[in-house]
Amino acid sequence: MNKFIDVIEEGFIAFLLTAMTLVTFSQVVARYVFNSGAVWALELTTYLFAWLVMFGAAYCVKKGVHIGIDAFVNIFSVRTRRYITLFSISLCLLYCAILFKGSWDYIAKLKMIGIEAEDMPIEEWKIKIILPIGFALIFFRLLEVAWKVYKGDIDNIHFVNETKVLIDEVDTIK
């Protein structure tokens, strides 16, 4: 089931990136070949990017593919590392909760006002609903990581170690 969810998430992120690319490419062609273009294209690309960022951030937390500096934390014992990690995750959860609440209130006001997007005939709250959804997803992913740390499956938020990855790639080439 987890693999199925991964495929859905990766597919949706790929769809958003592809849609952004196609809309932008079509506008370049329209502008420089046909000397025209769609007024709504930039706004659509901006909203697609916002969706991509929010889904992508949650997915990166899930997969541990975000970049971080853990050299300081790694000097401590495993037990202390786990406490520091749980504390930092708690701060991240608090931050997500605050942003979720703020974005929820913002969306509620947009819905109450009923304004449309500037260049597209869609109510703005329907497009920006990704804000509370995204923060809820990030919150959930952080809870998953916290649970793994609490159970002892991991002792730290594992980051991509770019230096090690690059050294390993060089070693495989030789």
N, C-alpha and C. Protein backbone atom coordinates (compact mmCIF):
# COMPACT_ATOMS: atom_id res chain seq x y z
N MET A 1 0.83 -1.21 0.00
CA MET A 1 0.00 0.00 0.00
C MET A 1 0.86 1.26 0.00
N ASN A 2 1.96 1.22 0.78
CA ASN A 2 2.85 2.38 0.84
C ASN A 2 3.47 2.67 -0.52
N LYS A 3 3.80 1.61 -1.25
CA LYS A 3 4.37 1.77 -2.59
C LYS A 3 3.35 2.41 -3.53
N PHE A 4 2.09 2.02 -3.40
CA PHE A 4 1.01 2.59 -4.22
C PHE A 4 0.86 4.08 -3.94
N ILE A 5 0.90 4.46 -2.66
CA ILE A 5 0.80 5.87 -2.29
C ILE A 5 1.99 6.65 -2.84
N ASP A 6 3.19 6.04 -2.78
CA ASP A 6 4.37 6.69 -3.35
C ASP A 6 4.18 6.96 -4.84
N VAL A 7 3.65 5.98 -5.56
CA VAL A 7 3.44 6.14 -7.00
C VAL A 7 2.44 7.26 -7.27
N ILE A 8 1.38 7.32 -6.49
CA ILE A 8 0.38 8.38 -6.65
C ILE A 8 1.01 9.75 -6.39
N GLU A 9 1.75 9.86 -5.28
CA GLU A 9 2.39 11.14 -4.96
C GLU A 9 3.39 11.55 -6.02
N GLU A 10 4.25 10.62 -6.42
CA GLU A 10 5.25 10.93 -7.43
C GLU A 10 4.59 11.28 -8.76
N GLY A 11 3.52 10.59 -9.10
CA GLY A 11 2.80 10.88 -10.33
C GLY A 11 2.18 12.27 -10.30
N PHE A 12 1.61 12.65 -9.16
CA PHE A 12 0.99 13.96 -9.06
C PHE A 12 2.04 15.06 -9.13
N ILE A 13 3.17 14.86 -8.47
CA ILE A 13 4.25 15.84 -8.52
C ILE A 13 4.78 15.96 -9.95
N ALA A 14 4.93 14.83 -10.63
CA ALA A 14 5.38 14.84 -12.02
C ALA A 14 4.36 15.55 -12.91
N PHE A 15 3.07 15.31 -12.65
CA PHE A 15 2.01 15.99 -13.42
C PHE A 15 2.10 17.50 -13.26
N LEU A 16 2.29 17.97 -12.02
CA LEU A 16 2.37 19.41 -11.77
C LEU A 16 3.57 20.02 -12.50
N LEU A 17 4.70 19.35 -12.42
CA LEU A 17 5.90 19.85 -13.10
C LEU A 17 5.72 19.85 -14.61
N THR A 18 5.12 18.81 -15.13
CA THR A 18 4.87 18.72 -16.58
C THR A 18 3.89 19.80 -17.02
N ALA A 19 2.84 20.00 -16.26
CA ALA A 19 1.85 21.03 -16.61
C ALA A 19 2.50 22.41 -16.62
N MET A 20 3.32 22.69 -15.61
CA MET A 20 4.03 23.98 -15.57
C MET A 20 4.90 24.16 -16.80
N THR A 21 5.63 23.12 -17.14
CA THR A 21 6.55 23.18 -18.28
C THR A 21 5.79 23.39 -19.58
N LEU A 22 4.70 22.66 -19.77
CA LEU A 22 3.92 22.78 -21.00
C LEU A 22 3.27 24.15 -21.15
N VAL A 23 2.72 24.66 -20.05
CA VAL A 23 2.09 25.98 -20.11
C VAL A 23 3.14 27.04 -20.43
N THR A 24 4.29 26.97 -19.77
CA THR A 24 5.34 27.95 -20.01
C THR A 24 5.88 27.84 -21.44
N PHE A 25 6.12 26.60 -21.89
CA PHE A 25 6.61 26.40 -23.26
C PHE A 25 5.60 26.93 -24.29
N SER A 26 4.33 26.64 -24.07
CA SER A 26 3.32 27.11 -25.03
C SER A 26 3.29 28.64 -25.08
N GLN A 27 3.54 29.29 -23.97
CA GLN A 27 3.55 30.75 -23.96
C GLN A 27 4.78 31.31 -24.68
N VAL A 28 5.90 30.63 -24.54
CA VAL A 28 7.10 31.07 -25.27
C VAL A 28 6.86 30.95 -26.76
N VAL A 29 6.32 29.83 -27.19
CA VAL A 29 6.03 29.63 -28.61
C VAL A 29 4.99 30.66 -29.08
N ALA A 30 3.93 30.84 -28.31
CA ALA A 30 2.88 31.79 -28.70
C ALA A 30 3.43 33.21 -28.81
N ARG A 31 4.29 33.56 -27.89
CA ARG A 31 4.79 34.93 -27.88
C ARG A 31 5.79 35.18 -29.00
N TYR A 32 6.74 34.27 -29.17
CA TYR A 32 7.82 34.53 -30.13
C TYR A 32 7.53 34.03 -31.54
N VAL A 33 6.60 33.12 -31.71
CA VAL A 33 6.28 32.64 -33.05
C VAL A 33 5.02 33.32 -33.58
N PHE A 34 4.00 33.42 -32.73
CA PHE A 34 2.71 33.97 -33.18
C PHE A 34 2.43 35.38 -32.66
N ASN A 35 3.34 35.92 -31.88
CA ASN A 35 3.20 37.27 -31.33
C ASN A 35 1.88 37.45 -30.56
N SER A 36 1.55 36.42 -29.78
CA SER A 36 0.35 36.48 -28.94
C SER A 36 0.62 35.68 -27.68
N GLY A 37 -0.41 35.42 -26.92
CA GLY A 37 -0.26 34.63 -25.70
C GLY A 37 -1.52 34.69 -24.87
N ALA A 38 -1.58 33.83 -23.87
CA ALA A 38 -2.75 33.78 -22.99
C ALA A 38 -2.44 34.59 -21.73
N VAL A 39 -3.38 35.42 -21.34
CA VAL A 39 -3.22 36.27 -20.17
C VAL A 39 -3.11 35.44 -18.90
N TRP A 40 -3.82 34.34 -18.84
CA TRP A 40 -3.93 33.52 -17.64
C TRP A 40 -2.75 32.58 -17.41
N ALA A 41 -1.86 32.43 -18.37
CA ALA A 41 -0.80 31.42 -18.30
C ALA A 41 0.17 31.64 -17.13
N LEU A 42 0.58 32.86 -16.92
CA LEU A 42 1.52 33.13 -15.83
C LEU A 42 0.88 32.83 -14.47
N GLU A 43 -0.37 33.22 -14.32
CA GLU A 43 -1.06 32.96 -13.06
C GLU A 43 -1.23 31.45 -12.83
N LEU A 44 -1.59 30.73 -13.87
CA LEU A 44 -1.73 29.27 -13.75
C LEU A 44 -0.40 28.63 -13.36
N THR A 45 0.68 29.05 -14.02
CA THR A 45 2.00 28.51 -13.70
C THR A 45 2.38 28.81 -12.25
N THR A 46 2.07 29.98 -11.78
CA THR A 46 2.35 30.35 -10.39
C THR A 46 1.61 29.44 -9.42
N TYR A 47 0.34 29.20 -9.68
CA TYR A 47 -0.43 28.32 -8.79
C TYR A 47 0.02 26.87 -8.88
N LEU A 48 0.36 26.41 -10.07
CA LEU A 48 0.89 25.05 -10.21
C LEU A 48 2.19 24.91 -9.43
N PHE A 49 3.01 25.94 -9.47
CA PHE A 49 4.27 25.92 -8.71
C PHE A 49 4.00 25.85 -7.21
N ALA A 50 3.01 26.61 -6.74
CA ALA A 50 2.66 26.56 -5.31
C ALA A 50 2.23 25.15 -4.91
N TRP A 51 1.43 24.52 -5.73
CA TRP A 51 1.00 23.15 -5.45
C TRP A 51 2.19 22.20 -5.46
N LEU A 52 3.09 22.39 -6.42
CA LEU A 52 4.29 21.57 -6.50
C LEU A 52 5.15 21.72 -5.25
N VAL A 53 5.33 22.93 -4.80
CA VAL A 53 6.15 23.18 -3.60
C VAL A 53 5.54 22.51 -2.37
N MET A 54 4.25 22.66 -2.18
CA MET A 54 3.63 22.11 -0.97
C MET A 54 3.62 20.58 -0.99
N PHE A 55 3.25 19.98 -2.11
CA PHE A 55 3.30 18.52 -2.19
C PHE A 55 4.73 18.01 -2.13
N GLY A 56 5.61 18.73 -2.81
CA GLY A 56 7.02 18.33 -2.82
C GLY A 56 7.66 18.40 -1.45
N ALA A 57 7.32 19.41 -0.67
CA ALA A 57 7.89 19.54 0.68
C ALA A 57 7.45 18.37 1.56
N ALA A 58 6.18 18.02 1.49
CA ALA A 58 5.69 16.89 2.29
C ALA A 58 6.34 15.59 1.83
N TYR A 59 6.50 15.43 0.53
CA TYR A 59 7.12 14.21 0.01
C TYR A 59 8.59 14.13 0.42
N CYS A 60 9.27 15.26 0.42
CA CYS A 60 10.68 15.28 0.82
C CYS A 60 10.84 14.91 2.30
N VAL A 61 9.93 15.36 3.14
CA VAL A 61 9.97 14.97 4.56
C VAL A 61 9.76 13.46 4.67
N LYS A 62 8.83 12.95 3.91
CA LYS A 62 8.54 11.51 3.94
C LYS A 62 9.75 10.69 3.54
N LYS A 63 10.41 11.10 2.46
CA LYS A 63 11.52 10.33 1.90
C LYS A 63 12.88 10.71 2.51
N GLY A 64 12.93 11.79 3.28
CA GLY A 64 14.20 12.22 3.87
C GLY A 64 15.17 12.73 2.82
N VAL A 65 14.66 13.32 1.76
CA VAL A 65 15.53 13.78 0.69
C VAL A 65 15.80 15.29 0.75
N HIS A 66 15.42 15.90 1.84
CA HIS A 66 15.73 17.31 2.02
C HIS A 66 17.17 17.42 2.50
N ILE A 67 17.73 18.58 2.35
CA ILE A 67 19.13 18.79 2.73
C ILE A 67 19.15 19.41 4.12
N GLY A 68 20.04 18.94 4.97
CA GLY A 68 20.19 19.48 6.30
C GLY A 68 21.62 19.33 6.77
N ILE A 69 21.93 20.04 7.82
CA ILE A 69 23.26 19.97 8.40
C ILE A 69 23.12 19.30 9.75
N ASP A 70 23.62 18.09 9.84
CA ASP A 70 23.48 17.33 11.08
C ASP A 70 24.82 17.03 11.75
N ALA A 71 25.88 17.74 11.34
CA ALA A 71 27.20 17.48 11.91
C ALA A 71 27.21 17.74 13.41
N PHE A 72 26.53 18.79 13.87
CA PHE A 72 26.49 19.10 15.29
C PHE A 72 25.74 18.02 16.07
N VAL A 73 24.61 17.62 15.55
CA VAL A 73 23.79 16.61 16.24
C VAL A 73 24.52 15.27 16.30
N ASN A 74 25.29 14.96 15.29
CA ASN A 74 25.97 13.67 15.22
C ASN A 74 27.10 13.50 16.24
N ILE A 75 27.52 14.58 16.92
CA ILE A 75 28.57 14.43 17.93
C ILE A 75 28.02 13.87 19.25
N PHE A 76 26.71 13.84 19.38
CA PHE A 76 26.09 13.35 20.60
C PHE A 76 25.83 11.85 20.53
N SER A 77 25.52 11.28 21.68
CA SER A 77 25.18 9.86 21.73
C SER A 77 23.84 9.63 21.02
N VAL A 78 23.56 8.39 20.71
CA VAL A 78 22.31 8.06 20.02
C VAL A 78 21.11 8.52 20.83
N ARG A 79 21.13 8.29 22.11
CA ARG A 79 20.01 8.68 22.97
C ARG A 79 19.78 10.19 22.96
N THR A 80 20.87 10.95 23.11
CA THR A 80 20.76 12.41 23.09
C THR A 80 20.31 12.90 21.72
N ARG A 81 20.82 12.27 20.67
CA ARG A 81 20.42 12.61 19.31
C ARG A 81 18.92 12.45 19.13
N ARG A 82 18.39 11.37 19.68
CA ARG A 82 16.94 11.12 19.56
C ARG A 82 16.16 12.23 20.26
N TYR A 83 16.61 12.65 21.46
CA TYR A 83 15.91 13.73 22.17
C TYR A 83 15.99 15.05 21.40
N ILE A 84 17.15 15.35 20.87
CA ILE A 84 17.31 16.58 20.09
C ILE A 84 16.41 16.52 18.85
N THR A 85 16.39 15.37 18.21
CA THR A 85 15.56 15.20 17.01
C THR A 85 14.08 15.35 17.33
N LEU A 86 13.64 14.72 18.42
CA LEU A 86 12.23 14.85 18.80
C LEU A 86 11.88 16.29 19.16
N PHE A 87 12.81 16.99 19.80
CA PHE A 87 12.58 18.40 20.13
C PHE A 87 12.47 19.23 18.85
N SER A 88 13.38 19.00 17.89
CA SER A 88 13.34 19.78 16.65
C SER A 88 12.08 19.46 15.84
N ILE A 89 11.67 18.19 15.85
CA ILE A 89 10.43 17.83 15.16
C ILE A 89 9.24 18.51 15.83
N SER A 90 9.27 18.59 17.15
CA SER A 90 8.19 19.28 17.88
C SER A 90 8.09 20.73 17.47
N LEU A 91 9.23 21.38 17.31
CA LEU A 91 9.22 22.78 16.86
C LEU A 91 8.67 22.88 15.44
N CYS A 92 9.05 21.94 14.58
CA CYS A 92 8.53 21.93 13.21
C CYS A 92 7.02 21.69 13.19
N LEU A 93 6.55 20.80 14.07
CA LEU A 93 5.11 20.54 14.16
C LEU A 93 4.36 21.79 14.62
N LEU A 94 4.94 22.49 15.59
CA LEU A 94 4.32 23.74 16.07
C LEU A 94 4.26 24.76 14.93
N TYR A 95 5.34 24.89 14.20
CA TYR A 95 5.40 25.81 13.07
C TYR A 95 4.34 25.45 12.03
N CYS A 96 4.23 24.17 11.70
CA CYS A 96 3.22 23.72 10.73
C CYS A 96 1.81 23.99 11.24
N ALA A 97 1.59 23.76 12.52
CA ALA A 97 0.26 24.01 13.09
C ALA A 97 -0.12 25.49 12.99
N ILE A 98 0.84 26.36 13.28
CA ILE A 98 0.58 27.80 13.18
C ILE A 98 0.28 28.19 11.74
N LEU A 99 1.08 27.69 10.81
CA LEU A 99 0.85 28.02 9.40
C LEU A 99 -0.44 27.39 8.87
N PHE A 100 -0.78 26.20 9.35
CA PHE A 100 -2.05 25.59 8.97
C PHE A 100 -3.21 26.46 9.42
N LYS A 101 -3.17 26.89 10.67
CA LYS A 101 -4.26 27.73 11.21
C LYS A 101 -4.38 29.04 10.43
N GLY A 102 -3.23 29.67 10.18
CA GLY A 102 -3.25 30.93 9.43
C GLY A 102 -3.77 30.74 8.01
N SER A 103 -3.34 29.67 7.36
CA SER A 103 -3.80 29.43 5.99
C SER A 103 -5.27 29.03 5.96
N TRP A 104 -5.71 28.30 6.98
CA TRP A 104 -7.13 27.93 7.07
C TRP A 104 -8.00 29.18 7.20
N ASP A 105 -7.58 30.10 8.05
CA ASP A 105 -8.32 31.35 8.23
C ASP A 105 -8.32 32.17 6.93
N TYR A 106 -7.18 32.19 6.27
CA TYR A 106 -7.05 32.93 5.01
C TYR A 106 -8.00 32.36 3.95
N ILE A 107 -8.03 31.04 3.83
CA ILE A 107 -8.92 30.39 2.85
C ILE A 107 -10.38 30.65 3.21
N ALA A 108 -10.71 30.61 4.49
CA ALA A 108 -12.08 30.87 4.93
C ALA A 108 -12.52 32.29 4.53
N LYS A 109 -11.60 33.25 4.69
CA LYS A 109 -11.93 34.63 4.30
C LYS A 109 -12.06 34.76 2.79
N LEU A 110 -11.19 34.09 2.06
CA LEU A 110 -11.30 34.13 0.60
C LEU A 110 -12.63 33.54 0.13
N LYS A 111 -13.03 32.45 0.79
CA LYS A 111 -14.30 31.81 0.41
C LYS A 111 -15.47 32.72 0.76
N MET A 112 -15.41 33.36 1.90
CA MET A 112 -16.49 34.25 2.33
C MET A 112 -16.60 35.45 1.38
N ILE A 113 -15.48 36.00 0.97
CA ILE A 113 -15.48 37.14 0.07
C ILE A 113 -15.93 36.73 -1.33
N GLY A 114 -15.48 35.55 -1.77
CA GLY A 114 -15.90 35.02 -3.05
C GLY A 114 -15.21 35.62 -4.26
N ILE A 115 -14.01 36.14 -4.08
CA ILE A 115 -13.33 36.74 -5.23
C ILE A 115 -12.71 35.66 -6.12
N GLU A 116 -12.58 36.02 -7.38
CA GLU A 116 -11.97 35.11 -8.35
C GLU A 116 -10.50 35.45 -8.51
N ALA A 117 -9.78 34.50 -9.09
CA ALA A 117 -8.38 34.74 -9.42
C ALA A 117 -8.31 35.90 -10.40
N GLU A 118 -7.16 36.53 -10.47
CA GLU A 118 -7.03 37.73 -11.28
C GLU A 118 -7.27 37.49 -12.76
N ASP A 119 -6.71 36.41 -13.30
CA ASP A 119 -6.81 36.18 -14.75
C ASP A 119 -7.56 34.91 -15.12
N MET A 120 -8.06 34.18 -14.14
CA MET A 120 -8.78 32.93 -14.42
C MET A 120 -10.15 32.98 -13.75
N PRO A 121 -11.17 32.40 -14.38
CA PRO A 121 -12.52 32.44 -13.80
C PRO A 121 -12.74 31.33 -12.76
N ILE A 122 -11.89 31.32 -11.75
CA ILE A 122 -11.98 30.32 -10.68
C ILE A 122 -11.91 31.08 -9.36
N GLU A 123 -12.76 30.69 -8.42
CA GLU A 123 -12.68 31.33 -7.12
C GLU A 123 -11.30 31.07 -6.52
N GLU A 124 -10.73 32.12 -5.97
CA GLU A 124 -9.35 32.05 -5.50
C GLU A 124 -9.14 31.03 -4.38
N TRP A 125 -10.13 30.83 -3.53
CA TRP A 125 -9.95 29.89 -2.43
C TRP A 125 -9.78 28.46 -2.94
N LYS A 126 -10.39 28.15 -4.08
CA LYS A 126 -10.27 26.79 -4.64
C LYS A 126 -8.84 26.50 -5.12
N ILE A 127 -8.16 27.52 -5.56
CA ILE A 127 -6.79 27.36 -6.02
C ILE A 127 -5.83 27.32 -4.83
N LYS A 128 -6.08 28.18 -3.86
CA LYS A 128 -5.15 28.33 -2.74
C LYS A 128 -5.42 27.34 -1.60
N ILE A 129 -6.37 26.46 -1.77
CA ILE A 129 -6.67 25.44 -0.75
C ILE A 129 -5.45 24.55 -0.48
N ILE A 130 -4.48 24.58 -1.38
CA ILE A 130 -3.26 23.79 -1.18
C ILE A 130 -2.51 24.23 0.07
N LEU A 131 -2.68 25.46 0.49
CA LEU A 131 -1.95 25.93 1.68
C LEU A 131 -2.29 25.09 2.92
N PRO A 132 -3.55 25.04 3.35
CA PRO A 132 -3.81 24.19 4.52
C PRO A 132 -3.59 22.70 4.24
N ILE A 133 -3.90 22.27 3.01
CA ILE A 133 -3.67 20.86 2.67
C ILE A 133 -2.18 20.54 2.78
N GLY A 134 -1.35 21.39 2.22
CA GLY A 134 0.09 21.17 2.24
C GLY A 134 0.66 21.15 3.65
N PHE A 135 0.23 22.10 4.48
CA PHE A 135 0.74 22.12 5.86
C PHE A 135 0.24 20.92 6.66
N ALA A 136 -0.97 20.47 6.37
CA ALA A 136 -1.47 19.26 7.03
C ALA A 136 -0.65 18.05 6.60
N LEU A 137 -0.32 17.96 5.32
CA LEU A 137 0.51 16.85 4.83
C LEU A 137 1.90 16.86 5.47
N ILE A 138 2.51 18.05 5.52
CA ILE A 138 3.83 18.16 6.15
C ILE A 138 3.75 17.77 7.61
N PHE A 139 2.70 18.22 8.30
CA PHE A 139 2.50 17.88 9.71
C PHE A 139 2.42 16.37 9.88
N PHE A 140 1.63 15.72 9.03
CA PHE A 140 1.48 14.27 9.09
C PHE A 140 2.81 13.57 8.84
N ARG A 141 3.57 14.03 7.85
CA ARG A 141 4.87 13.42 7.53
C ARG A 141 5.85 13.59 8.69
N LEU A 142 5.81 14.74 9.34
CA LEU A 142 6.67 14.97 10.50
C LEU A 142 6.28 14.04 11.66
N LEU A 143 4.98 13.81 11.82
CA LEU A 143 4.53 12.86 12.84
C LEU A 143 5.06 11.46 12.54
N GLU A 144 5.07 11.07 11.26
CA GLU A 144 5.61 9.77 10.89
C GLU A 144 7.08 9.65 11.25
N VAL A 145 7.85 10.70 10.97
CA VAL A 145 9.28 10.70 11.31
C VAL A 145 9.45 10.66 12.82
N ALA A 146 8.65 11.44 13.54
CA ALA A 146 8.74 11.46 15.01
C ALA A 146 8.45 10.07 15.59
N TRP A 147 7.48 9.39 15.02
CA TRP A 147 7.13 8.05 15.49
C TRP A 147 8.30 7.08 15.28
N LYS A 148 8.95 7.19 14.13
CA LYS A 148 10.11 6.33 13.86
C LYS A 148 11.26 6.62 14.84
N VAL A 149 11.45 7.88 15.16
CA VAL A 149 12.49 8.24 16.13
C VAL A 149 12.10 7.73 17.51
N TYR A 150 10.85 7.92 17.89
CA TYR A 150 10.37 7.47 19.20
C TYR A 150 10.51 5.96 19.36
N LYS A 151 10.16 5.21 18.31
CA LYS A 151 10.27 3.75 18.36
C LYS A 151 11.72 3.28 18.34
N GLY A 152 12.63 4.14 17.92
CA GLY A 152 14.03 3.76 17.85
C GLY A 152 14.44 3.22 16.50
N ASP A 153 13.56 3.30 15.51
CA ASP A 153 13.91 2.85 14.16
C ASP A 153 15.01 3.73 13.56
N ILE A 154 14.94 5.02 13.87
CA ILE A 154 15.98 5.97 13.44
C ILE A 154 16.32 6.84 14.65
N ASP A 155 17.49 7.46 14.62
CA ASP A 155 17.90 8.29 15.74
C ASP A 155 18.02 9.76 15.36
N ASN A 156 17.68 10.07 14.12
CA ASN A 156 17.91 11.40 13.60
C ASN A 156 17.01 11.58 12.39
N ILE A 157 16.77 12.83 12.03
CA ILE A 157 16.10 13.09 10.76
C ILE A 157 17.17 12.88 9.71
N HIS A 158 17.00 11.88 8.90
CA HIS A 158 18.06 11.56 7.94
C HIS A 158 17.95 12.46 6.72
N PHE A 159 19.06 13.09 6.44
CA PHE A 159 19.14 14.00 5.31
C PHE A 159 19.92 13.34 4.19
N VAL A 160 19.79 13.90 3.02
CA VAL A 160 20.63 13.48 1.92
C VAL A 160 22.02 14.03 2.19
N ASN A 161 23.00 13.17 2.22
CA ASN A 161 24.37 13.59 2.40
C ASN A 161 24.98 13.76 1.01
N GLU A 162 24.89 14.98 0.49
CA GLU A 162 25.31 15.21 -0.89
C GLU A 162 26.78 14.90 -1.09
N THR A 163 27.61 15.22 -0.11
CA THR A 163 29.03 14.95 -0.24
C THR A 163 29.29 13.46 -0.39
N LYS A 164 28.66 12.66 0.47
CA LYS A 164 28.85 11.20 0.40
C LYS A 164 28.32 10.65 -0.92
N VAL A 165 27.17 11.15 -1.37
CA VAL A 165 26.60 10.68 -2.64
C VAL A 165 27.55 10.98 -3.79
N LEU A 166 28.11 12.18 -3.82
CA LEU A 166 29.03 12.54 -4.90
C LEU A 166 30.31 11.73 -4.84
N ILE A 167 30.84 11.51 -3.65
CA ILE A 167 32.07 10.70 -3.51
C ILE A 167 31.79 9.28 -3.96
N ASP A 168 30.64 8.73 -3.57
CA ASP A 168 30.28 7.38 -4.00
C ASP A 168 30.15 7.28 -5.51
N GLU A 169 29.58 8.33 -6.14
CA GLU A 169 29.44 8.34 -7.60
C GLU A 169 30.81 8.37 -8.27
N VAL A 170 31.73 9.16 -7.73
CA VAL A 170 33.08 9.24 -8.30
C VAL A 170 33.77 7.89 -8.14
N ASP A 171 33.61 7.26 -6.98
CA ASP A 171 34.24 5.97 -6.75
C ASP A 171 33.71 4.90 -7.71
N THR A 172 32.43 4.96 -8.07
CA THR A 172 31.88 3.95 -8.98
C THR A 172 32.36 4.18 -10.42
N ILE A 173 32.68 5.43 -10.74
CA ILE A 173 33.18 5.75 -12.09
C ILE A 173 34.59 5.20 -12.27
N LYS A 174 35.39 5.28 -11.21
CA LYS A 174 36.82 4.84 -11.30
C LYS A 174 36.96 3.40 -11.49
